């Protein structure tokens, strides 16, 4: 019998990372290194999530899909052998590299994978910002010239960000996360990043990270000027308030605010993922309950049919669902 599933996080050392995941989310980080990413739900080669609770504890997400694909995916039009999403928490204590992910139309030819993603900011400093999209009027020629002279950052549009802001990043949109942000990232299952510029920094051994200038120039959408943060309106749904952050063929994301002691129920057409931003939740399905603390994610298989989410205290959480494209759920 399937049930709400928790996973062991996979921590990634990053030159731009820090220790905030330990401070804010009580993650048991490896000592003495900057951790930039916690992979919360992953089905990447060499980085497959391990189940942390219940009868399947110790088994992997890969095993779960091999043994229970229909139970996880439900009425999806296609049931991929590899889980279609990658869920992370990021801690940026320095600016990330200026980068781009290849669009689907070009990724395979370059030996990469497309990567559309969304960011939801949970903790930000007063100086937190994004580099995202191009400034109006920037051309490919100027962009390429400025890569050569080290001033390409001047081509990027910049936006201040605060707690609760969200940015959608389709493949092909140039971007970088600025220092001073912790965020939840929902993305396609991909790990292809082409670095345009990395601020001339080097690692502890004095080595600079690889840049991918040719691939970047092929991937950048040079018609993507000055995109804005997600600007959708909040609506009431029973005792809760919700806001749509992403409604894309690849995935949908909503943010919910649920008062203490209130309950919402989600019909399970396909899998859903619940990620707790703040407060405390009890998630129940097939008579099995799990308690979520901030920074934890639960995978809800379609076989639950109905998942019940109750706030033990005022709670804010993300609800992630399969998109409505070729591999999306059909009602």
C-alpha atoms as a PDB file:
ATOM      1  CA  UNK A   1       0.000   0.000   0.000  1.00  0.00           C
ATOM      2  CA  UNK A   2       1.374   3.393  -0.976  1.00  0.00           C
ATOM      3  CA  UNK A   3       1.467   6.284   1.491  1.00  0.00           C
ATOM      4  CA  UNK A   4       2.878   9.847   1.804  1.00  0.00           C
ATOM      5  CA  UNK A   5       6.596   9.404   1.214  1.00  0.00           C
ATOM      6  CA  UNK A   6       9.519  11.355   2.662  1.00  0.00           C
ATOM      7  CA  UNK A   7      13.094  11.183   1.361  1.00  0.00           C
ATOM      8  CA  UNK A   8      16.577  11.658   2.747  1.00  0.00           C
ATOM      9  CA  UNK A   9      18.080  14.913   1.417  1.00  0.00           C
ATOM     10  CA  UNK A  10      21.200  14.828  -0.774  1.00  0.00           C
ATOM     11  CA  UNK A  11      23.576  17.693   0.034  1.00  0.00           C
ATOM     12  CA  UNK A  12      25.746  19.396  -2.586  1.00  0.00           C
ATOM     13  CA  UNK A  13      28.858  21.394  -1.769  1.00  0.00           C
ATOM     14  CA  UNK A  14      28.959  24.588  -3.829  1.00  0.00           C
ATOM     15  CA  UNK A  15      31.531  27.390  -3.944  1.00  0.00           C
ATOM     16  CA  UNK A  16      28.692  29.915  -3.523  1.00  0.00           C
ATOM     17  CA  UNK A  17      26.866  28.039  -0.730  1.00  0.00           C
ATOM     18  CA  UNK A  18      26.687  28.444   3.028  1.00  0.00           C
ATOM     19  CA  UNK A  19      25.159  26.925   6.180  1.00  0.00           C
ATOM     20  CA  UNK A  20      21.667  28.451   6.143  1.00  0.00           C
ATOM     21  CA  UNK A  21      19.933  25.129   5.476  1.00  0.00           C
ATOM     22  CA  UNK A  22      21.187  24.057   8.895  1.00  0.00           C
ATOM     23  CA  UNK A  23      20.056  27.298  10.529  1.00  0.00           C
ATOM     24  CA  UNK A  24      16.602  27.595   8.979  1.00  0.00           C
ATOM     25  CA  UNK A  25      15.635  23.969   8.300  1.00  0.00           C
ATOM     26  CA  UNK A  26      17.713  21.933  10.772  1.00  0.00           C
ATOM     27  CA  UNK A  27      19.364  19.955   7.968  1.00  0.00           C
ATOM     28  CA  UNK A  28      22.214  17.762   9.244  1.00  0.00           C
ATOM     29  CA  UNK A  29      24.874  19.174   6.938  1.00  0.00           C
ATOM     30  CA  UNK A  30      28.364  17.735   6.535  1.00  0.00           C
ATOM     31  CA  UNK A  31      30.788  19.731   8.647  1.00  0.00           C
ATOM     32  CA  UNK A  32      33.131  22.414   7.427  1.00  0.00           C
ATOM     33  CA  UNK A  33      31.999  22.895   3.818  1.00  0.00           C
ATOM     34  CA  UNK A  34      29.666  25.372   2.073  1.00  0.00           C
ATOM     35  CA  UNK A  35      26.436  23.609   1.097  1.00  0.00           C
ATOM     36  CA  UNK A  36      24.572  25.298  -1.725  1.00  0.00           C
ATOM     37  CA  UNK A  37      21.922  22.720  -2.549  1.00  0.00           C
ATOM     38  CA  UNK A  38      19.796  20.125  -0.804  1.00  0.00           C
ATOM     39  CA  UNK A  39      18.256  17.762  -3.355  1.00  0.00           C
ATOM     40  CA  UNK A  40      14.968  16.830  -1.714  1.00  0.00           C
ATOM     41  CA  UNK A  41      13.448  14.620  -4.441  1.00  0.00           C
ATOM     42  CA  UNK A  42      15.855  13.381  -7.094  1.00  0.00           C
ATOM     43  CA  UNK A  43      16.011  10.664  -9.713  1.00  0.00           C
ATOM     44  CA  UNK A  44      19.357  11.658 -11.251  1.00  0.00           C
ATOM     45  CA  UNK A  45      22.077   9.129 -12.132  1.00  0.00           C
ATOM     46  CA  UNK A  46      24.219   8.747  -9.017  1.00  0.00           C
ATOM     47  CA  UNK A  47      21.829  10.899  -6.979  1.00  0.00           C
ATOM     48  CA  UNK A  48      18.640   8.903  -6.472  1.00  0.00           C
ATOM     49  CA  UNK A  49      16.609   9.801  -3.385  1.00  0.00           C
ATOM     50  CA  UNK A  50      16.283   7.216  -0.625  1.00  0.00           C
ATOM     51  CA  UNK A  51      12.922   6.798   1.121  1.00  0.00           C
ATOM     52  CA  UNK A  52      13.079   7.886   4.762  1.00  0.00           C
ATOM     53  CA  UNK A  53       9.786   6.659   6.241  1.00  0.00           C
ATOM     54  CA  UNK A  54       7.325   3.780   6.414  1.00  0.00           C
ATOM     55  CA  UNK A  55       7.391   0.289   4.970  1.00  0.00           C
ATOM     56  CA  UNK A  56       9.608   1.318   2.022  1.00  0.00           C
ATOM     57  CA  UNK A  57      12.287   3.053   4.139  1.00  0.00           C
ATOM     58  CA  UNK A  58      15.742   2.432   2.673  1.00  0.00           C
ATOM     59  CA  UNK A  59      14.460   1.794  -0.832  1.00  0.00           C
ATOM     60  CA  UNK A  60      14.932   4.356  -3.591  1.00  0.00           C
ATOM     61  CA  UNK A  61      12.700   6.526  -5.732  1.00  0.00           C
ATOM     62  CA  UNK A  62      13.984   4.504  -8.717  1.00  0.00           C
ATOM     63  CA  UNK A  63      12.740   1.292  -7.041  1.00  0.00           C
ATOM     64  CA  UNK A  64       9.408   2.958  -6.263  1.00  0.00           C
ATOM     65  CA  UNK A  65       8.820   3.790  -9.938  1.00  0.00           C
ATOM     66  CA  UNK A  66       9.926   0.347 -11.116  1.00  0.00           C
ATOM     67  CA  UNK A  67       7.561  -1.409  -8.708  1.00  0.00           C
ATOM     68  CA  UNK A  68       4.677   1.079  -8.378  1.00  0.00           C
ATOM     69  CA  UNK A  69       4.649   3.318 -11.463  1.00  0.00           C
ATOM     70  CA  UNK A  70       0.868   3.231 -11.894  1.00  0.00           C
ATOM     71  CA  UNK A  71       0.362   3.890  -8.198  1.00  0.00           C
ATOM     72  CA  UNK A  72       2.627   6.942  -8.343  1.00  0.00           C
ATOM     73  CA  UNK A  73       1.622   8.402 -11.712  1.00  0.00           C
ATOM     74  CA  UNK A  74      -2.091   7.552 -11.821  1.00  0.00           C
ATOM     75  CA  UNK A  75      -3.825   8.980 -14.880  1.00  0.00           C
ATOM     76  CA  UNK A  76      -0.824  10.614 -16.529  1.00  0.00           C
ATOM     77  CA  UNK A  77      -0.932  10.310 -20.314  1.00  0.00           C
ATOM     78  CA  UNK A  78       2.654   9.032 -20.215  1.00  0.00           C
ATOM     79  CA  UNK A  79       4.436   7.415 -17.288  1.00  0.00           C
ATOM     80  CA  UNK A  80       8.165   8.153 -17.620  1.00  0.00           C
ATOM     81  CA  UNK A  81      10.625   5.622 -16.260  1.00  0.00           C
ATOM     82  CA  UNK A  82      12.588   8.493 -14.721  1.00  0.00           C
ATOM     83  CA  UNK A  83      10.775  10.820 -12.301  1.00  0.00           C
ATOM     84  CA  UNK A  84      10.092  14.010 -14.315  1.00  0.00           C
ATOM     85  CA  UNK A  85      10.914  16.577 -11.619  1.00  0.00           C
ATOM     86  CA  UNK A  86      13.869  17.515  -9.430  1.00  0.00           C
ATOM     87  CA  UNK A  87      13.126  19.359  -6.176  1.00  0.00           C
ATOM     88  CA  UNK A  88      15.810  21.337  -4.334  1.00  0.00           C
ATOM     89  CA  UNK A  89      16.436  23.915  -1.646  1.00  0.00           C
ATOM     90  CA  UNK A  90      19.189  26.442  -2.507  1.00  0.00           C
ATOM     91  CA  UNK A  91      21.314  28.588  -0.192  1.00  0.00           C
ATOM     92  CA  UNK A  92      23.168  31.357  -2.057  1.00  0.00           C
ATOM     93  CA  UNK A  93      25.709  33.206   0.065  1.00  0.00           C
ATOM     94  CA  UNK A  94      27.535  34.462  -3.031  1.00  0.00           C
ATOM     95  CA  UNK A  95      26.254  35.274  -6.521  1.00  0.00           C
ATOM     96  CA  UNK A  96      25.848  32.185  -8.683  1.00  0.00           C
ATOM     97  CA  UNK A  97      27.386  32.103 -12.140  1.00  0.00           C
ATOM     98  CA  UNK A  98      25.593  33.931 -14.947  1.00  0.00           C
ATOM     99  CA  UNK A  99      24.081  30.996 -16.788  1.00  0.00           C
ATOM    100  CA  UNK A 100      21.464  29.520 -19.095  1.00  0.00           C
ATOM    101  CA  UNK A 101      19.846  26.132 -19.628  1.00  0.00           C
ATOM    102  CA  UNK A 102      19.338  24.840 -23.181  1.00  0.00           C
ATOM    103  CA  UNK A 103      15.857  24.945 -24.753  1.00  0.00           C
ATOM    104  CA  UNK A 104      14.233  21.672 -25.735  1.00  0.00           C
ATOM    105  CA  UNK A 105      14.719  22.416 -29.439  1.00  0.00           C
ATOM    106  CA  UNK A 106      18.523  22.540 -29.066  1.00  0.00           C
ATOM    107  CA  UNK A 107      19.450  20.568 -25.951  1.00  0.00           C
ATOM    108  CA  UNK A 108      19.902  17.128 -27.513  1.00  0.00           C
ATOM    109  CA  UNK A 109      22.125  18.439 -30.313  1.00  0.00           C
ATOM    110  CA  UNK A 110      24.447  19.916 -27.686  1.00  0.00           C
ATOM    111  CA  UNK A 111      24.453  16.765 -25.555  1.00  0.00           C
ATOM    112  CA  UNK A 112      22.398  18.330 -22.779  1.00  0.00           C
ATOM    113  CA  UNK A 113      18.893  18.345 -21.333  1.00  0.00           C
ATOM    114  CA  UNK A 114      16.350  21.191 -21.279  1.00  0.00           C
ATOM    115  CA  UNK A 115      15.735  22.674 -17.864  1.00  0.00           C
ATOM    116  CA  UNK A 116      12.731  24.829 -17.079  1.00  0.00           C
ATOM    117  CA  UNK A 117      12.485  25.736 -13.407  1.00  0.00           C
ATOM    118  CA  UNK A 118      10.789  27.990 -10.899  1.00  0.00           C
ATOM    119  CA  UNK A 119      12.129  29.645  -7.759  1.00  0.00           C
ATOM    120  CA  UNK A 120      10.146  30.433  -4.611  1.00  0.00           C
ATOM    121  CA  UNK A 121      12.067  32.631  -2.169  1.00  0.00           C
ATOM    122  CA  UNK A 122      11.725  31.636   1.476  1.00  0.00           C
ATOM    123  CA  UNK A 123      14.484  33.676   3.189  1.00  0.00           C
ATOM    124  CA  UNK A 124      16.078  36.800   1.762  1.00  0.00           C
ATOM    125  CA  UNK A 125      18.368  39.574   2.972  1.00  0.00           C
ATOM    126  CA  UNK A 126      17.787  43.253   2.209  1.00  0.00           C
ATOM    127  CA  UNK A 127      20.372  43.044  -0.601  1.00  0.00           C
ATOM    128  CA  UNK A 128      18.971  39.891  -2.267  1.00  0.00           C
ATOM    129  CA  UNK A 129      18.501  40.140  -6.022  1.00  0.00           C
ATOM    130  CA  UNK A 130      18.210  38.234  -9.279  1.00  0.00           C
ATOM    131  CA  UNK A 131      19.970  38.612 -12.569  1.00  0.00           C
ATOM    132  CA  UNK A 132      17.277  37.513 -15.025  1.00  0.00           C
ATOM    133  CA  UNK A 133      16.681  38.071 -18.720  1.00  0.00           C
ATOM    134  CA  UNK A 134      18.369  40.739 -20.827  1.00  0.00           C
ATOM    135  CA  UNK A 135      18.191  44.496 -20.488  1.00  0.00           C
ATOM    136  CA  UNK A 136      16.084  46.066 -23.201  1.00  0.00           C
ATOM    137  CA  UNK A 137      18.078  46.564 -26.385  1.00  0.00           C
ATOM    138  CA  UNK A 138      20.884  44.074 -25.699  1.00  0.00           C
ATOM    139  CA  UNK A 139      21.804  42.208 -28.872  1.00  0.00           C
ATOM    140  CA  UNK A 140      23.603  38.934 -29.407  1.00  0.00           C
ATOM    141  CA  UNK A 141      26.560  40.892 -30.756  1.00  0.00           C
ATOM    142  CA  UNK A 142      26.848  43.058 -27.649  1.00  0.00           C
ATOM    143  CA  UNK A 143      26.354  40.029 -25.398  1.00  0.00           C
ATOM    144  CA  UNK A 144      29.163  38.132 -27.116  1.00  0.00           C
ATOM    145  CA  UNK A 145      31.467  41.176 -27.073  1.00  0.00           C
ATOM    146  CA  UNK A 146      30.915  41.691 -23.346  1.00  0.00           C
ATOM    147  CA  UNK A 147      31.646  38.025 -22.618  1.00  0.00           C
ATOM    148  CA  UNK A 148      35.004  38.667 -24.223  1.00  0.00           C
ATOM    149  CA  UNK A 149      35.830  41.771 -22.178  1.00  0.00           C
ATOM    150  CA  UNK A 150      34.410  40.445 -18.875  1.00  0.00           C
ATOM    151  CA  UNK A 151      31.501  42.895 -18.593  1.00  0.00           C
ATOM    152  CA  UNK A 152      28.623  40.601 -19.628  1.00  0.00           C
ATOM    153  CA  UNK A 153      26.866  41.134 -16.282  1.00  0.00           C
ATOM    154  CA  UNK A 154      25.922  44.580 -17.616  1.00  0.00           C
ATOM    155  CA  UNK A 155      23.663  42.830 -20.158  1.00  0.00           C
ATOM    156  CA  UNK A 156      21.503  41.274 -17.421  1.00  0.00           C
ATOM    157  CA  UNK A 157      18.271  42.690 -16.032  1.00  0.00           C
ATOM    158  CA  UNK A 158      18.314  42.873 -12.224  1.00  0.00           C
ATOM    159  CA  UNK A 159      15.411  42.521  -9.775  1.00  0.00           C
ATOM    160  CA  UNK A 160      15.305  42.858  -5.990  1.00  0.00           C
ATOM    161  CA  UNK A 161      13.622  39.895  -4.290  1.00  0.00           C
ATOM    162  CA  UNK A 162      11.903  39.386  -0.949  1.00  0.00           C
ATOM    163  CA  UNK A 163      10.423  36.509   1.036  1.00  0.00           C
ATOM    164  CA  UNK A 164       7.453  35.064  -0.845  1.00  0.00           C
ATOM    165  CA  UNK A 165       8.533  36.235  -4.304  1.00  0.00           C
ATOM    166  CA  UNK A 166       8.637  33.769  -7.189  1.00  0.00           C
ATOM    167  CA  UNK A 167      10.367  33.715 -10.585  1.00  0.00           C
ATOM    168  CA  UNK A 168       9.649  31.385 -13.504  1.00  0.00           C
ATOM    169  CA  UNK A 169      12.693  30.460 -15.581  1.00  0.00           C
ATOM    170  CA  UNK A 170      11.926  28.733 -18.885  1.00  0.00           C
ATOM    171  CA  UNK A 171      14.841  27.103 -20.689  1.00  0.00           C
ATOM    172  CA  UNK A 172      16.744  29.754 -22.648  1.00  0.00           C
ATOM    173  CA  UNK A 173      16.282  32.555 -20.091  1.00  0.00           C
ATOM    174  CA  UNK A 174      19.657  33.856 -18.858  1.00  0.00           C
ATOM    175  CA  UNK A 175      19.785  34.186 -15.099  1.00  0.00           C
ATOM    176  CA  UNK A 176      21.752  34.039 -11.887  1.00  0.00           C
ATOM    177  CA  UNK A 177      20.741  33.910  -8.253  1.00  0.00           C
ATOM    178  CA  UNK A 178      22.256  36.757  -6.289  1.00  0.00           C
ATOM    179  CA  UNK A 179      23.785  36.458  -2.828  1.00  0.00           C
ATOM    180  CA  UNK A 180      21.520  36.495   0.204  1.00  0.00           C
ATOM    181  CA  UNK A 181      18.709  34.138  -0.816  1.00  0.00           C
ATOM    182  CA  UNK A 182      17.336  30.793   0.296  1.00  0.00           C
ATOM    183  CA  UNK A 183      14.708  29.306  -1.983  1.00  0.00           C
ATOM    184  CA  UNK A 184      12.753  26.258  -3.067  1.00  0.00           C
ATOM    185  CA  UNK A 185      13.454  25.189  -6.642  1.00  0.00           C
ATOM    186  CA  UNK A 186      11.082  23.053  -8.726  1.00  0.00           C
ATOM    187  CA  UNK A 187      12.533  22.011 -12.070  1.00  0.00           C
ATOM    188  CA  UNK A 188      12.582  19.518 -14.871  1.00  0.00           C
ATOM    189  CA  UNK A 189      14.709  16.482 -14.123  1.00  0.00           C
ATOM    190  CA  UNK A 190      17.864  17.906 -15.676  1.00  0.00           C
ATOM    191  CA  UNK A 191      21.324  18.931 -14.544  1.00  0.00           C
ATOM    192  CA  UNK A 192      22.523  20.810 -17.647  1.00  0.00           C
ATOM    193  CA  UNK A 193      23.817  24.315 -16.949  1.00  0.00           C
ATOM    194  CA  UNK A 194      25.891  26.420 -19.328  1.00  0.00           C
ATOM    195  CA  UNK A 195      27.940  29.062 -17.505  1.00  0.00           C
ATOM    196  CA  UNK A 196      28.370  32.392 -19.266  1.00  0.00           C
ATOM    197  CA  UNK A 197      30.499  34.073 -16.586  1.00  0.00           C
ATOM    198  CA  UNK A 198      31.575  33.148 -13.038  1.00  0.00           C
ATOM    199  CA  UNK A 199      32.847  36.455 -11.632  1.00  0.00           C
ATOM    200  CA  UNK A 200      36.507  35.422 -12.183  1.00  0.00           C
ATOM    201  CA  UNK A 201      36.488  33.438  -8.933  1.00  0.00           C
ATOM    202  CA  UNK A 202      38.498  30.306  -8.217  1.00  0.00           C
ATOM    203  CA  UNK A 203      38.042  27.368  -5.871  1.00  0.00           C
ATOM    204  CA  UNK A 204      40.224  26.448  -2.877  1.00  0.00           C
ATOM    205  CA  UNK A 205      42.826  24.951  -5.200  1.00  0.00           C
ATOM    206  CA  UNK A 206      42.998  28.104  -7.326  1.00  0.00           C
ATOM    207  CA  UNK A 207      41.082  26.605 -10.238  1.00  0.00           C
ATOM    208  CA  UNK A 208      38.345  28.472 -12.100  1.00  0.00           C
ATOM    209  CA  UNK A 209      35.130  26.660 -12.969  1.00  0.00           C
ATOM    210  CA  UNK A 210      34.547  25.758 -16.590  1.00  0.00           C
ATOM    211  CA  UNK A 211      32.616  28.187 -18.788  1.00  0.00           C
ATOM    212  CA  UNK A 212      30.442  27.133 -21.742  1.00  0.00           C
ATOM    213  CA  UNK A 213      30.418  30.178 -23.997  1.00  0.00           C
ATOM    214  CA  UNK A 214      29.572  28.492 -27.325  1.00  0.00           C
ATOM    215  CA  UNK A 215      26.735  26.453 -25.816  1.00  0.00           C
ATOM    216  CA  UNK A 216      25.422  29.499 -23.967  1.00  0.00           C
ATOM    217  CA  UNK A 217      25.256  31.602 -27.110  1.00  0.00           C
ATOM    218  CA  UNK A 218      23.269  28.840 -28.814  1.00  0.00           C
ATOM    219  CA  UNK A 219      20.868  28.556 -25.855  1.00  0.00           C
ATOM    220  CA  UNK A 220      20.100  32.168 -24.901  1.00  0.00           C
ATOM    221  CA  UNK A 221      16.719  33.582 -25.899  1.00  0.00           C
ATOM    222  CA  UNK A 222      17.853  36.961 -27.243  1.00  0.00           C
ATOM    223  CA  UNK A 223      14.248  38.199 -27.383  1.00  0.00           C
ATOM    224  CA  UNK A 224      13.702  37.723 -23.639  1.00  0.00           C
ATOM    225  CA  UNK A 225      13.890  41.228 -22.158  1.00  0.00           C
ATOM    226  CA  UNK A 226      13.381  42.233 -18.507  1.00  0.00           C
ATOM    227  CA  UNK A 227      10.953  39.544 -17.266  1.00  0.00           C
ATOM    228  CA  UNK A 228       9.111  40.220 -14.024  1.00  0.00           C
ATOM    229  CA  UNK A 229       8.374  38.243 -10.890  1.00  0.00           C
ATOM    230  CA  UNK A 230       5.211  36.128 -10.787  1.00  0.00           C
ATOM    231  CA  UNK A 231       2.331  38.562 -10.299  1.00  0.00           C
ATOM    232  CA  UNK A 232      -0.729  36.319  -9.844  1.00  0.00           C
ATOM    233  CA  UNK A 233      -3.502  37.201  -7.388  1.00  0.00           C
ATOM    234  CA  UNK A 234      -4.357  35.244  -4.237  1.00  0.00           C
ATOM    235  CA  UNK A 235      -7.811  33.652  -3.999  1.00  0.00           C
ATOM    236  CA  UNK A 236      -9.792  32.045  -1.189  1.00  0.00           C
ATOM    237  CA  UNK A 237     -10.461  28.298  -1.179  1.00  0.00           C
ATOM    238  CA  UNK A 238     -12.473  27.368   1.874  1.00  0.00           C
ATOM    239  CA  UNK A 239     -10.393  28.208   4.967  1.00  0.00           C
ATOM    240  CA  UNK A 240      -7.223  28.593   2.877  1.00  0.00           C
ATOM    241  CA  UNK A 241      -5.720  31.207   0.585  1.00  0.00           C
ATOM    242  CA  UNK A 242      -3.836  30.116  -2.508  1.00  0.00           C
ATOM    243  CA  UNK A 243      -1.884  31.648  -5.358  1.00  0.00           C
ATOM    244  CA  UNK A 244      -0.861  30.049  -8.643  1.00  0.00           C
ATOM    245  CA  UNK A 245       2.870  30.406  -9.313  1.00  0.00           C
ATOM    246  CA  UNK A 246       3.289  28.174 -12.378  1.00  0.00           C
ATOM    247  CA  UNK A 247       0.787  26.678 -14.820  1.00  0.00           C
ATOM    248  CA  UNK A 248       3.036  25.092 -17.422  1.00  0.00           C
ATOM    249  CA  UNK A 249       2.889  21.898 -19.522  1.00  0.00           C
ATOM    250  CA  UNK A 250       5.816  20.580 -17.449  1.00  0.00           C
ATOM    251  CA  UNK A 251       4.483  21.223 -13.945  1.00  0.00           C
ATOM    252  CA  UNK A 252       2.140  23.404 -11.906  1.00  0.00           C
ATOM    253  CA  UNK A 253       2.954  25.081  -8.602  1.00  0.00           C
ATOM    254  CA  UNK A 254       0.653  26.759  -6.084  1.00  0.00           C
ATOM    255  CA  UNK A 255       1.430  28.354  -2.745  1.00  0.00           C
ATOM    256  CA  UNK A 256      -1.108  27.829   0.040  1.00  0.00           C
ATOM    257  CA  UNK A 257      -1.662  29.604   3.347  1.00  0.00           C
ATOM    258  CA  UNK A 258      -3.620  27.401   5.751  1.00  0.00           C
ATOM    259  CA  UNK A 259      -4.621  28.572   9.260  1.00  0.00           C
ATOM    260  CA  UNK A 260      -3.956  26.391  12.300  1.00  0.00           C
ATOM    261  CA  UNK A 261      -6.322  23.428  12.751  1.00  0.00           C
ATOM    262  CA  UNK A 262      -7.801  23.811   9.263  1.00  0.00           C
ATOM    263  CA  UNK A 263      -7.803  21.040   6.641  1.00  0.00           C
ATOM    264  CA  UNK A 264      -7.728  20.903   2.842  1.00  0.00           C
ATOM    265  CA  UNK A 265      -8.161  17.744   0.762  1.00  0.00           C
ATOM    266  CA  UNK A 266      -6.539  17.151  -2.625  1.00  0.00           C
ATOM    267  CA  UNK A 267      -8.021  14.664  -5.131  1.00  0.00           C
ATOM    268  CA  UNK A 268      -5.138  12.603  -6.513  1.00  0.00           C
ATOM    269  CA  UNK A 269      -5.337  12.353 -10.308  1.00  0.00           C
ATOM    270  CA  UNK A 270      -1.566  12.016 -10.495  1.00  0.00           C
ATOM    271  CA  UNK A 271       1.264  12.450  -7.999  1.00  0.00           C
ATOM    272  CA  UNK A 272       1.574  15.659  -6.025  1.00  0.00           C
ATOM    273  CA  UNK A 273       4.385  17.083  -3.919  1.00  0.00           C
ATOM    274  CA  UNK A 274       3.896  19.135  -0.761  1.00  0.00           C
ATOM    275  CA  UNK A 275       6.796  21.334   0.396  1.00  0.00           C
ATOM    276  CA  UNK A 276       6.474  23.170   3.711  1.00  0.00           C
ATOM    277  CA  UNK A 277       7.698  26.770   3.797  1.00  0.00           C
ATOM    278  CA  UNK A 278       6.646  27.629   7.362  1.00  0.00           C
ATOM    279  CA  UNK A 279       4.501  26.298  10.213  1.00  0.00           C
ATOM    280  CA  UNK A 280       3.690  22.607  10.551  1.00  0.00           C
ATOM    281  CA  UNK A 281       1.542  20.197   8.523  1.00  0.00           C
ATOM    282  CA  UNK A 282       0.169  16.721   8.982  1.00  0.00           C
ATOM    283  CA  UNK A 283      -0.310  15.005   5.613  1.00  0.00           C
ATOM    284  CA  UNK A 284      -2.511  11.911   5.555  1.00  0.00           C
ATOM    285  CA  UNK A 285      -3.276   9.346   2.864  1.00  0.00           C
ATOM    286  CA  UNK A 286      -4.327   5.679   2.972  1.00  0.00           C
ATOM    287  CA  UNK A 287      -4.580   6.013   6.769  1.00  0.00           C
ATOM    288  CA  UNK A 288      -0.879   6.886   7.042  1.00  0.00           C
ATOM    289  CA  UNK A 289       0.160  10.303   8.380  1.00  0.00           C
ATOM    290  CA  UNK A 290       3.442  12.189   8.175  1.00  0.00           C
ATOM    291  CA  UNK A 291       4.319  15.434   9.915  1.00  0.00           C
ATOM    292  CA  UNK A 292       6.181  18.026   7.875  1.00  0.00           C
ATOM    293  CA  UNK A 293       8.512  20.638   9.342  1.00  0.00           C
ATOM    294  CA  UNK A 294       9.747  23.642   7.332  1.00  0.00           C
ATOM    295  CA  UNK A 295      12.080  22.562   4.546  1.00  0.00           C
ATOM    296  CA  UNK A 296      10.569  19.087   4.198  1.00  0.00           C
ATOM    297  CA  UNK A 297       8.812  17.674   1.129  1.00  0.00           C
ATOM    298  CA  UNK A 298       6.376  14.773   0.795  1.00  0.00           C
ATOM    299  CA  UNK A 299       5.624  12.850  -2.390  1.00  0.00           C
ATOM    300  CA  UNK A 300       1.933  11.940  -2.552  1.00  0.00           C
ATOM    301  CA  UNK A 301       1.341   9.027  -4.949  1.00  0.00           C
ATOM    302  CA  UNK A 302      -1.809   9.013  -7.077  1.00  0.00           C
ATOM    303  CA  UNK A 303      -2.914   5.779  -5.383  1.00  0.00           C
ATOM    304  CA  UNK A 304      -3.815   7.773  -2.270  1.00  0.00           C
ATOM    305  CA  UNK A 305      -6.887   8.968  -4.236  1.00  0.00           C
ATOM    306  CA  UNK A 306      -7.424  11.748  -1.678  1.00  0.00           C
ATOM    307  CA  UNK A 307      -4.714  13.396   0.406  1.00  0.00           C
ATOM    308  CA  UNK A 308      -5.643  15.353   3.532  1.00  0.00           C
ATOM    309  CA  UNK A 309      -3.455  18.238   4.651  1.00  0.00           C
ATOM    310  CA  UNK A 310      -3.989  19.695   8.138  1.00  0.00           C
ATOM    311  CA  UNK A 311      -2.145  22.647   9.649  1.00  0.00           C
ATOM    312  CA  UNK A 312      -0.939  21.994  13.198  1.00  0.00           C
ATOM    313  CA  UNK A 313      -0.054  25.697  13.270  1.00  0.00           C
ATOM    314  CA  UNK A 314      -0.429  28.440  10.666  1.00  0.00           C
ATOM    315  CA  UNK A 315       1.277  26.998   7.607  1.00  0.00           C
ATOM    316  CA  UNK A 316       2.493  28.045   4.184  1.00  0.00           C
ATOM    317  CA  UNK A 317       3.305  25.315   1.684  1.00  0.00           C
ATOM    318  CA  UNK A 318       3.883  24.638  -1.995  1.00  0.00           C
ATOM    319  CA  UNK A 319       1.711  22.185  -3.899  1.00  0.00           C
ATOM    320  CA  UNK A 320       3.419  20.783  -7.001  1.00  0.00           C
ATOM    321  CA  UNK A 321       1.501  18.750  -9.586  1.00  0.00           C
ATOM    322  CA  UNK A 322       2.151  17.158 -12.955  1.00  0.00           C
ATOM    323  CA  UNK A 323       1.661  19.567 -15.853  1.00  0.00           C
ATOM    324  CA  UNK A 324      -0.930  19.351 -18.597  1.00  0.00           C
ATOM    325  CA  UNK A 325       1.382  18.580 -21.524  1.00  0.00           C
ATOM    326  CA  UNK A 326       2.161  15.277 -23.208  1.00  0.00           C
ATOM    327  CA  UNK A 327       2.966  13.591 -19.911  1.00  0.00           C
ATOM    328  CA  UNK A 328       0.368  15.370 -17.814  1.00  0.00           C
ATOM    329  CA  UNK A 329      -2.568  14.014 -15.889  1.00  0.00           C
ATOM    330  CA  UNK A 330      -5.863  13.671 -17.724  1.00  0.00           C
ATOM    331  CA  UNK A 331      -9.085  14.072 -15.718  1.00  0.00           C
END
